[in-house]
């Protein structure tokens, strides 16, 4: 009974690890949406998000919802189930799956998640910074006109939403590059 309990706990931890790996892909888009939301001004009104259990911006919730719908529409849930059944073939129940360098692989994976999220948000950050610079120069040229509050906030929001639409116009929001960035950051072979 003790041996069976150990195997059950090991399989429970393997399932939790596999679920965490799926969640990591969505975390990339959540990080990117949070950074984009703060840049365009929608991150200030963060509301409680029941998916994450914390407060998050509308942009982050929008991106994760769109990516979730795109994954389901592209048949990604079938790939997930195929991976689950393949894991039973490659890691039979009761086999040892935890390696000594698992913590190093996990830390590299989370490093790749942060890097990929920031790379996705980079176009919005760059364009809104250029927009803020142009508004600052216009304000400096005519200080009696309140250019920032009259035009700057709404222009920043419109420009940011247009850039987000351009980022999302790629197939599935560039998810293949996101996963490629995460795998490069991990620097581990796929069969591991």
Protein backbone atom coordinates (compact mmCIF):
# COMPACT_ATOMS: atom_id res chain seq x y z
CA UNK A 1 0.00 0.00 0.00
CA UNK A 2 2.90 2.36 0.75
CA UNK A 3 4.49 1.62 -2.63
CA UNK A 4 1.18 2.22 -4.40
CA UNK A 5 0.84 5.54 -2.55
CA UNK A 6 4.33 6.55 -3.71
CA UNK A 7 3.48 5.71 -7.33
CA UNK A 8 0.18 7.62 -7.07
CA UNK A 9 1.99 10.65 -5.65
CA UNK A 10 4.62 10.45 -8.41
CA UNK A 11 1.92 10.32 -11.09
CA UNK A 12 0.09 13.21 -9.43
CA UNK A 13 3.26 15.30 -9.50
CA UNK A 14 3.88 14.37 -13.16
CA UNK A 15 0.35 15.48 -14.07
CA UNK A 16 0.78 18.72 -12.15
CA UNK A 17 4.07 19.32 -13.97
CA UNK A 18 2.47 18.71 -17.35
CA UNK A 19 -0.39 21.06 -16.47
CA UNK A 20 2.11 23.69 -15.38
CA UNK A 21 3.88 23.45 -18.74
CA UNK A 22 0.60 24.17 -20.53
CA UNK A 23 -0.07 27.08 -18.19
CA UNK A 24 3.38 28.47 -18.95
CA UNK A 25 2.40 29.12 -22.58
CA UNK A 26 -0.59 31.18 -21.46
CA UNK A 27 1.56 33.00 -18.92
CA UNK A 28 3.66 34.39 -21.79
CA UNK A 29 0.59 36.10 -23.22
CA UNK A 30 -0.52 37.26 -19.79
CA UNK A 31 2.87 38.90 -19.16
CA UNK A 32 2.82 40.50 -22.62
CA UNK A 33 -0.73 41.77 -22.10
CA UNK A 34 0.15 43.22 -18.70
CA UNK A 35 3.14 45.10 -20.07
CA UNK A 36 1.12 46.30 -23.08
CA UNK A 37 -1.72 47.39 -20.80
CA UNK A 38 0.55 49.50 -18.63
CA UNK A 39 2.05 51.14 -21.71
CA UNK A 40 -1.23 52.11 -23.34
CA UNK A 41 -2.97 53.09 -20.11
CA UNK A 42 -5.43 50.25 -19.53
CA UNK A 43 -3.31 48.58 -16.84
CA UNK A 44 -4.27 51.18 -14.28
CA UNK A 45 -7.76 49.75 -13.91
CA UNK A 46 -6.79 46.18 -13.08
CA UNK A 47 -9.78 44.08 -12.05
CA UNK A 48 -10.03 40.71 -10.34
CA UNK A 49 -9.48 37.90 -12.83
CA UNK A 50 -10.99 34.56 -11.79
CA UNK A 51 -8.71 32.67 -14.22
CA UNK A 52 -5.53 33.75 -12.46
CA UNK A 53 -6.95 34.48 -9.01
CA UNK A 54 -5.42 37.94 -8.95
CA UNK A 55 -5.93 41.38 -10.42
CA UNK A 56 -4.96 41.72 -14.07
CA UNK A 57 -5.47 44.26 -16.82
CA UNK A 58 -8.05 44.04 -19.54
CA UNK A 59 -5.34 43.69 -22.16
CA UNK A 60 -3.87 40.62 -20.45
CA UNK A 61 -7.28 38.98 -20.13
CA UNK A 62 -8.06 39.79 -23.76
CA UNK A 63 -4.79 38.30 -25.03
CA UNK A 64 -5.10 35.09 -23.01
CA UNK A 65 -8.73 34.65 -24.10
CA UNK A 66 -7.89 35.20 -27.77
CA UNK A 67 -4.95 32.79 -27.60
CA UNK A 68 -7.07 30.18 -25.84
CA UNK A 69 -9.73 30.44 -28.52
CA UNK A 70 -7.08 30.27 -31.26
CA UNK A 71 -5.53 27.15 -29.72
CA UNK A 72 -8.90 25.41 -29.56
CA UNK A 73 -9.81 26.55 -33.11
CA UNK A 74 -6.47 25.25 -34.44
CA UNK A 75 -6.95 21.87 -32.75
CA UNK A 76 -4.41 22.44 -29.99
CA UNK A 77 -6.52 20.53 -27.49
CA UNK A 78 -6.04 17.41 -29.64
CA UNK A 79 -2.28 17.94 -29.50
CA UNK A 80 -2.57 18.22 -25.71
CA UNK A 81 -4.45 14.92 -25.47
CA UNK A 82 -1.98 13.24 -27.83
CA UNK A 83 0.86 14.46 -25.63
CA UNK A 84 -0.90 13.10 -22.56
CA UNK A 85 -1.27 9.65 -24.14
CA UNK A 86 2.30 9.76 -25.48
CA UNK A 87 3.54 10.51 -21.97
CA UNK A 88 2.09 7.18 -20.83
CA UNK A 89 4.18 5.46 -23.51
CA UNK A 90 7.42 7.35 -22.82
CA UNK A 91 7.01 7.48 -19.03
CA UNK A 92 5.09 4.37 -17.94
CA UNK A 93 3.31 4.62 -14.58
CA UNK A 94 5.73 3.99 -11.76
CA UNK A 95 8.86 4.95 -13.70
CA UNK A 96 11.24 7.59 -12.43
CA UNK A 97 10.71 10.84 -14.34
CA UNK A 98 12.34 13.38 -12.05
CA UNK A 99 15.92 14.18 -13.10
CA UNK A 100 18.60 15.86 -11.05
CA UNK A 101 18.74 18.93 -13.28
CA UNK A 102 14.96 19.43 -13.31
CA UNK A 103 15.24 22.63 -11.27
CA UNK A 104 17.71 24.05 -13.80
CA UNK A 105 15.37 23.21 -16.69
CA UNK A 106 12.41 24.77 -14.84
CA UNK A 107 14.32 27.96 -14.09
CA UNK A 108 15.40 28.23 -17.71
CA UNK A 109 11.81 27.68 -18.82
CA UNK A 110 10.53 30.51 -16.64
CA UNK A 111 13.38 32.67 -17.90
CA UNK A 112 12.19 31.92 -21.44
CA UNK A 113 8.61 32.78 -20.47
CA UNK A 114 9.61 36.21 -19.21
CA UNK A 115 11.81 36.81 -22.25
CA UNK A 116 9.08 35.77 -24.71
CA UNK A 117 6.46 37.91 -22.96
CA UNK A 118 8.70 40.96 -23.09
CA UNK A 119 9.51 40.29 -26.76
CA UNK A 120 5.80 40.21 -27.59
CA UNK A 121 5.22 43.50 -25.78
CA UNK A 122 8.26 45.21 -27.33
CA UNK A 123 6.47 46.71 -30.39
CA UNK A 124 3.84 48.35 -28.18
CA UNK A 125 6.48 49.61 -25.74
CA UNK A 126 8.61 51.02 -28.55
CA UNK A 127 5.81 52.81 -30.37
CA UNK A 128 4.26 54.26 -27.21
CA UNK A 129 7.66 55.53 -26.12
CA UNK A 130 8.09 57.26 -29.50
CA UNK A 131 4.58 58.66 -29.16
CA UNK A 132 5.35 59.97 -25.67
CA UNK A 133 8.55 61.55 -26.96
CA UNK A 134 6.67 63.30 -29.78
CA UNK A 135 4.03 64.56 -27.34
CA UNK A 136 6.74 65.77 -24.95
CA UNK A 137 8.41 67.71 -27.75
CA UNK A 138 5.05 69.20 -28.78
CA UNK A 139 4.38 70.20 -25.16
CA UNK A 140 7.82 71.77 -24.90
CA UNK A 141 7.22 73.73 -28.11
CA UNK A 142 3.92 75.16 -26.91
CA UNK A 143 3.64 74.91 -23.13
CA UNK A 144 0.41 76.88 -22.93
CA UNK A 145 -1.44 74.09 -24.77
CA UNK A 146 -1.98 71.02 -22.68
CA UNK A 147 -1.10 68.58 -25.47
CA UNK A 148 -0.63 65.50 -23.31
CA UNK A 149 -4.02 65.56 -21.62
CA UNK A 150 -5.82 66.83 -24.72
CA UNK A 151 -4.40 64.39 -27.27
CA UNK A 152 -1.65 62.29 -25.75
CA UNK A 153 -3.61 59.82 -23.64
CA UNK A 154 -6.15 58.97 -26.32
CA UNK A 155 -3.48 58.87 -29.04
CA UNK A 156 -1.39 56.52 -26.89
CA UNK A 157 -4.40 54.23 -26.41
CA UNK A 158 -5.36 54.21 -30.11
CA UNK A 159 -1.77 53.64 -31.23
CA UNK A 160 -1.31 50.84 -28.69
CA UNK A 161 -4.51 49.08 -29.75
CA UNK A 162 -3.47 49.29 -33.41
CA UNK A 163 -0.08 47.76 -32.63
CA UNK A 164 -1.75 45.00 -30.58
CA UNK A 165 -4.01 44.28 -33.55
CA UNK A 166 -0.93 44.04 -35.77
CA UNK A 167 0.76 41.67 -33.29
CA UNK A 168 -2.35 39.48 -33.20
CA UNK A 169 -2.71 39.50 -36.99
CA UNK A 170 0.05 36.89 -37.23
CA UNK A 171 -1.11 33.27 -37.04
CA UNK A 172 -2.07 32.55 -33.41
CA UNK A 173 -0.28 35.67 -32.20
CA UNK A 174 3.15 34.31 -33.11
CA UNK A 175 2.83 31.36 -30.74
CA UNK A 176 5.38 29.34 -32.74
CA UNK A 177 8.03 32.01 -32.13
CA UNK A 178 7.02 32.23 -28.46
CA UNK A 179 7.52 28.49 -27.97
CA UNK A 180 10.77 28.67 -29.98
CA UNK A 181 12.04 31.43 -27.70
CA UNK A 182 11.14 29.40 -24.62
CA UNK A 183 12.90 26.30 -25.98
CA UNK A 184 16.01 28.31 -26.90
CA UNK A 185 16.09 29.78 -23.40
CA UNK A 186 15.84 26.31 -21.87
CA UNK A 187 18.66 24.96 -24.06
CA UNK A 188 17.52 21.39 -23.64
CA UNK A 189 16.75 18.78 -26.30
CA UNK A 190 13.09 18.03 -27.04
CA UNK A 191 13.29 14.37 -26.04
CA UNK A 192 14.20 15.34 -22.47
